[in-house]
Amino acid sequence: MKIIWSPLSIDRVSEIAEYIAQDKPSAAERWIETLFSKVEQLQSSPEMGRAVPEIRSGQFRELICGNYRIIYRIDKKQVSVLTIRHGKQILPIDEIAGKHGIKK
């Protein structure tokens, strides 16, 4: 299964890594490696994440990576990584709604 990263998800990874690197650059590098490793696992097991609580659809799932949520969508031939959020943040549906067919 193909993995696609949305521009928003790439921006979030960059922002979070920069934030982590302020205290410890090596921790930021480890976090990025762990994040990409987890997402790679979706190629063979796309349903390994749990359903996103804010969205009532099995197509939208999330993996936990440390304190962060990797929000993704499963389609027939690909997994789309939509965004990365801190675990204590509620996912604002507006962030991904229009482009991905989610009703508010």
N, C-alpha and C. Protein backbone atom coordinates (compact mmCIF):
# COMPACT_ATOMS: atom_id res chain seq x y z
N MET A 1 0.84 -1.17 0.00
CA MET A 1 0.00 0.00 0.00
C MET A 1 0.89 1.24 0.00
N LYS A 2 0.51 2.20 -0.79
CA LYS A 2 1.28 3.44 -0.93
C LYS A 2 0.97 4.40 0.23
N ILE A 3 1.99 5.12 0.69
CA ILE A 3 1.84 6.12 1.74
C ILE A 3 1.99 7.51 1.12
N ILE A 4 1.02 8.37 1.36
CA ILE A 4 1.05 9.75 0.88
C ILE A 4 1.03 10.68 2.09
N TRP A 5 1.93 11.65 2.11
CA TRP A 5 1.98 12.65 3.18
C TRP A 5 1.36 13.95 2.66
N SER A 6 0.37 14.48 3.37
CA SER A 6 -0.23 15.76 2.98
C SER A 6 0.76 16.88 3.29
N PRO A 7 0.64 18.01 2.59
CA PRO A 7 1.50 19.16 2.92
C PRO A 7 1.36 19.57 4.39
N LEU A 8 0.13 19.50 4.92
CA LEU A 8 -0.09 19.85 6.33
C LEU A 8 0.68 18.92 7.25
N SER A 9 0.66 17.63 6.97
CA SER A 9 1.37 16.68 7.85
C SER A 9 2.88 16.92 7.82
N ILE A 10 3.41 17.25 6.66
CA ILE A 10 4.84 17.54 6.55
C ILE A 10 5.18 18.80 7.34
N ASP A 11 4.33 19.82 7.22
CA ASP A 11 4.54 21.05 8.00
C ASP A 11 4.51 20.77 9.49
N ARG A 12 3.57 19.95 9.93
CA ARG A 12 3.45 19.63 11.37
C ARG A 12 4.69 18.89 11.87
N VAL A 13 5.17 17.93 11.10
CA VAL A 13 6.38 17.21 11.51
C VAL A 13 7.53 18.18 11.69
N SER A 14 7.67 19.08 10.75
CA SER A 14 8.74 20.07 10.81
C SER A 14 8.60 20.98 12.04
N GLU A 15 7.39 21.47 12.27
CA GLU A 15 7.14 22.35 13.43
C GLU A 15 7.43 21.65 14.75
N ILE A 16 6.94 20.42 14.86
CA ILE A 16 7.13 19.67 16.10
C ILE A 16 8.60 19.35 16.32
N ALA A 17 9.29 18.93 15.28
CA ALA A 17 10.72 18.62 15.39
C ALA A 17 11.51 19.86 15.82
N GLU A 18 11.18 21.01 15.24
CA GLU A 18 11.85 22.25 15.63
C GLU A 18 11.61 22.57 17.11
N TYR A 19 10.40 22.35 17.56
CA TYR A 19 10.06 22.60 18.96
C TYR A 19 10.85 21.67 19.88
N ILE A 20 10.88 20.39 19.55
CA ILE A 20 11.62 19.41 20.37
C ILE A 20 13.11 19.74 20.37
N ALA A 21 13.62 20.13 19.22
CA ALA A 21 15.06 20.42 19.06
C ALA A 21 15.51 21.62 19.88
N GLN A 22 14.60 22.49 20.27
CA GLN A 22 14.99 23.63 21.11
C GLN A 22 15.64 23.17 22.40
N ASP A 23 15.15 22.07 22.94
CA ASP A 23 15.72 21.53 24.18
C ASP A 23 16.79 20.47 23.91
N LYS A 24 16.52 19.64 22.90
CA LYS A 24 17.44 18.53 22.66
C LYS A 24 17.36 18.08 21.20
N PRO A 25 18.29 18.54 20.37
CA PRO A 25 18.27 18.17 18.94
C PRO A 25 18.27 16.66 18.69
N SER A 26 19.00 15.91 19.50
CA SER A 26 19.04 14.45 19.28
C SER A 26 17.68 13.81 19.55
N ALA A 27 16.92 14.36 20.48
CA ALA A 27 15.57 13.84 20.74
C ALA A 27 14.66 14.10 19.56
N ALA A 28 14.82 15.25 18.93
CA ALA A 28 14.02 15.56 17.74
C ALA A 28 14.32 14.57 16.61
N GLU A 29 15.59 14.27 16.42
CA GLU A 29 15.97 13.30 15.38
C GLU A 29 15.38 11.93 15.68
N ARG A 30 15.46 11.48 16.93
CA ARG A 30 14.89 10.18 17.32
C ARG A 30 13.38 10.16 17.10
N TRP A 31 12.71 11.28 17.45
CA TRP A 31 11.26 11.36 17.29
C TRP A 31 10.88 11.22 15.81
N ILE A 32 11.61 11.92 14.94
CA ILE A 32 11.33 11.83 13.51
C ILE A 32 11.54 10.40 13.00
N GLU A 33 12.63 9.77 13.41
CA GLU A 33 12.89 8.39 12.98
C GLU A 33 11.78 7.46 13.44
N THR A 34 11.34 7.61 14.69
CA THR A 34 10.28 6.77 15.23
C THR A 34 8.97 7.01 14.48
N LEU A 35 8.66 8.27 14.22
CA LEU A 35 7.44 8.63 13.51
C LEU A 35 7.41 8.00 12.12
N PHE A 36 8.49 8.15 11.36
CA PHE A 36 8.53 7.59 10.01
C PHE A 36 8.49 6.06 10.04
N SER A 37 9.10 5.47 11.04
CA SER A 37 9.08 4.02 11.18
C SER A 37 7.65 3.53 11.43
N LYS A 38 6.92 4.22 12.31
CA LYS A 38 5.53 3.84 12.59
C LYS A 38 4.67 3.97 11.33
N VAL A 39 4.83 5.07 10.61
CA VAL A 39 4.04 5.28 9.40
C VAL A 39 4.36 4.22 8.36
N GLU A 40 5.62 3.83 8.26
CA GLU A 40 6.01 2.78 7.30
C GLU A 40 5.26 1.48 7.56
N GLN A 41 4.97 1.18 8.81
CA GLN A 41 4.25 -0.05 9.18
C GLN A 41 2.85 -0.08 8.57
N LEU A 42 2.32 1.09 8.25
CA LEU A 42 0.98 1.16 7.67
C LEU A 42 0.92 0.55 6.28
N GLN A 43 2.06 0.44 5.61
CA GLN A 43 2.07 -0.18 4.27
C GLN A 43 1.53 -1.60 4.33
N SER A 44 1.89 -2.34 5.35
CA SER A 44 1.43 -3.73 5.45
C SER A 44 0.25 -3.91 6.41
N SER A 45 0.05 -2.95 7.31
CA SER A 45 -1.05 -3.06 8.28
C SER A 45 -1.77 -1.72 8.44
N PRO A 46 -2.48 -1.28 7.43
CA PRO A 46 -3.09 0.05 7.48
C PRO A 46 -4.13 0.24 8.58
N GLU A 47 -4.73 -0.84 9.05
CA GLU A 47 -5.76 -0.71 10.08
C GLU A 47 -5.22 -0.89 11.49
N MET A 48 -3.90 -0.82 11.64
CA MET A 48 -3.32 -1.04 12.97
C MET A 48 -3.65 0.08 13.96
N GLY A 49 -3.92 1.28 13.47
CA GLY A 49 -4.27 2.38 14.36
C GLY A 49 -5.72 2.29 14.79
N ARG A 50 -6.06 3.05 15.83
CA ARG A 50 -7.44 3.07 16.30
C ARG A 50 -8.24 4.13 15.52
N ALA A 51 -9.56 4.01 15.59
CA ALA A 51 -10.42 5.02 14.96
C ALA A 51 -10.22 6.35 15.67
N VAL A 52 -10.27 7.43 14.91
CA VAL A 52 -10.12 8.77 15.48
C VAL A 52 -11.40 9.10 16.25
N PRO A 53 -11.30 9.40 17.55
CA PRO A 53 -12.50 9.65 18.35
C PRO A 53 -13.36 10.81 17.84
N GLU A 54 -12.74 11.83 17.27
CA GLU A 54 -13.50 13.00 16.81
C GLU A 54 -14.24 12.76 15.51
N ILE A 55 -13.91 11.68 14.81
CA ILE A 55 -14.52 11.37 13.51
C ILE A 55 -15.11 9.97 13.59
N ARG A 56 -16.35 9.85 13.25
CA ARG A 56 -17.00 8.54 13.34
C ARG A 56 -16.95 7.83 11.99
N SER A 57 -15.75 7.43 11.60
CA SER A 57 -15.57 6.71 10.34
C SER A 57 -14.34 5.83 10.47
N GLY A 58 -14.46 4.57 10.08
CA GLY A 58 -13.34 3.65 10.14
C GLY A 58 -12.23 3.98 9.16
N GLN A 59 -12.51 4.85 8.18
CA GLN A 59 -11.50 5.26 7.21
C GLN A 59 -10.43 6.12 7.86
N PHE A 60 -10.81 6.86 8.90
CA PHE A 60 -9.89 7.78 9.57
C PHE A 60 -9.39 7.15 10.85
N ARG A 61 -8.06 7.01 10.92
CA ARG A 61 -7.46 6.30 12.04
C ARG A 61 -6.28 7.11 12.57
N GLU A 62 -5.74 6.66 13.70
CA GLU A 62 -4.59 7.34 14.27
C GLU A 62 -3.64 6.36 14.92
N LEU A 63 -2.37 6.70 14.85
CA LEU A 63 -1.31 6.00 15.56
C LEU A 63 -0.77 6.97 16.59
N ILE A 64 -0.31 6.44 17.70
CA ILE A 64 0.31 7.27 18.72
C ILE A 64 1.82 7.12 18.61
N CYS A 65 2.50 8.26 18.61
CA CYS A 65 3.96 8.29 18.56
C CYS A 65 4.43 9.22 19.66
N GLY A 66 4.79 8.66 20.79
CA GLY A 66 5.16 9.47 21.95
C GLY A 66 3.94 10.25 22.40
N ASN A 67 4.06 11.57 22.44
CA ASN A 67 2.94 12.43 22.85
C ASN A 67 2.09 12.89 21.68
N TYR A 68 2.31 12.34 20.50
CA TYR A 68 1.67 12.86 19.29
C TYR A 68 0.78 11.82 18.61
N ARG A 69 -0.23 12.32 17.93
CA ARG A 69 -1.17 11.50 17.17
C ARG A 69 -0.88 11.67 15.68
N ILE A 70 -0.74 10.57 14.98
CA ILE A 70 -0.59 10.57 13.53
C ILE A 70 -1.97 10.25 12.97
N ILE A 71 -2.62 11.24 12.38
CA ILE A 71 -3.97 11.07 11.85
C ILE A 71 -3.86 10.70 10.36
N TYR A 72 -4.50 9.60 9.98
CA TYR A 72 -4.41 9.16 8.59
C TYR A 72 -5.73 8.61 8.08
N ARG A 73 -5.83 8.51 6.77
CA ARG A 73 -7.03 8.00 6.11
C ARG A 73 -6.64 6.80 5.25
N ILE A 74 -7.46 5.78 5.30
CA ILE A 74 -7.23 4.58 4.49
C ILE A 74 -8.13 4.63 3.25
N ASP A 75 -7.53 4.51 2.09
CA ASP A 75 -8.27 4.38 0.84
C ASP A 75 -7.95 3.00 0.27
N LYS A 76 -8.50 2.69 -0.88
CA LYS A 76 -8.29 1.35 -1.46
C LYS A 76 -6.83 1.00 -1.69
N LYS A 77 -6.06 1.94 -2.24
CA LYS A 77 -4.69 1.63 -2.61
C LYS A 77 -3.64 2.48 -1.90
N GLN A 78 -4.08 3.34 -0.97
CA GLN A 78 -3.11 4.19 -0.30
C GLN A 78 -3.55 4.58 1.10
N VAL A 79 -2.57 4.97 1.87
CA VAL A 79 -2.78 5.55 3.19
C VAL A 79 -2.32 7.00 3.07
N SER A 80 -3.19 7.93 3.47
CA SER A 80 -2.86 9.35 3.42
C SER A 80 -2.65 9.86 4.84
N VAL A 81 -1.44 10.30 5.14
CA VAL A 81 -1.16 10.91 6.44
C VAL A 81 -1.68 12.33 6.34
N LEU A 82 -2.66 12.67 7.18
CA LEU A 82 -3.36 13.96 7.07
C LEU A 82 -2.74 15.04 7.95
N THR A 83 -2.44 14.70 9.19
CA THR A 83 -1.88 15.68 10.11
C THR A 83 -1.25 14.97 11.30
N ILE A 84 -0.48 15.72 12.06
CA ILE A 84 0.12 15.24 13.31
C ILE A 84 -0.33 16.23 14.38
N ARG A 85 -0.84 15.73 15.49
CA ARG A 85 -1.31 16.60 16.57
C ARG A 85 -0.77 16.10 17.91
N HIS A 86 -0.62 17.01 18.87
CA HIS A 86 -0.26 16.61 20.22
C HIS A 86 -1.43 15.81 20.79
N GLY A 87 -1.13 14.82 21.58
CA GLY A 87 -2.15 13.94 22.13
C GLY A 87 -3.18 14.63 23.00
N LYS A 88 -2.83 15.76 23.60
CA LYS A 88 -3.77 16.48 24.45
C LYS A 88 -4.66 17.44 23.66
N GLN A 89 -4.40 17.57 22.37
CA GLN A 89 -5.21 18.46 21.53
C GLN A 89 -6.35 17.69 20.89
N ILE A 90 -7.51 18.31 20.90
CA ILE A 90 -8.64 17.76 20.15
C ILE A 90 -8.41 18.12 18.69
N LEU A 91 -8.66 17.20 17.82
CA LEU A 91 -8.47 17.43 16.39
C LEU A 91 -9.54 18.39 15.89
N PRO A 92 -9.15 19.58 15.42
CA PRO A 92 -10.16 20.47 14.83
C PRO A 92 -10.57 19.91 13.47
N ILE A 93 -11.81 19.50 13.36
CA ILE A 93 -12.30 18.86 12.14
C ILE A 93 -12.09 19.77 10.93
N ASP A 94 -12.17 21.09 11.13
CA ASP A 94 -11.95 22.03 10.03
C ASP A 94 -10.58 21.84 9.38
N GLU A 95 -9.63 21.35 10.15
CA GLU A 95 -8.27 21.19 9.64
C GLU A 95 -8.19 20.20 8.49
N ILE A 96 -9.06 19.20 8.51
CA ILE A 96 -9.01 18.17 7.46
C ILE A 96 -10.35 17.92 6.77
N ALA A 97 -11.42 18.56 7.24
CA ALA A 97 -12.78 18.23 6.79
C ALA A 97 -13.02 18.39 5.30
N GLY A 98 -12.87 19.57 4.76
CA GLY A 98 -13.27 19.85 3.39
C GLY A 98 -12.62 18.95 2.36
N LYS A 99 -11.35 18.72 2.50
CA LYS A 99 -10.59 17.96 1.50
C LYS A 99 -10.86 16.46 1.57
N HIS A 100 -11.38 15.97 2.71
CA HIS A 100 -11.44 14.53 2.90
C HIS A 100 -12.85 14.00 3.15
N GLY A 101 -13.86 14.82 2.82
CA GLY A 101 -15.23 14.33 2.88
C GLY A 101 -15.77 14.11 4.28
N ILE A 102 -15.28 14.85 5.25
CA ILE A 102 -15.78 14.72 6.62
C ILE A 102 -16.85 15.77 6.82
N LYS A 103 -17.99 15.36 7.34
CA LYS A 103 -19.06 16.31 7.63
C LYS A 103 -18.85 16.87 9.03
N LYS A 104 -18.96 18.18 9.14
CA LYS A 104 -18.79 18.85 10.43
C LYS A 104 -20.00 18.67 11.31
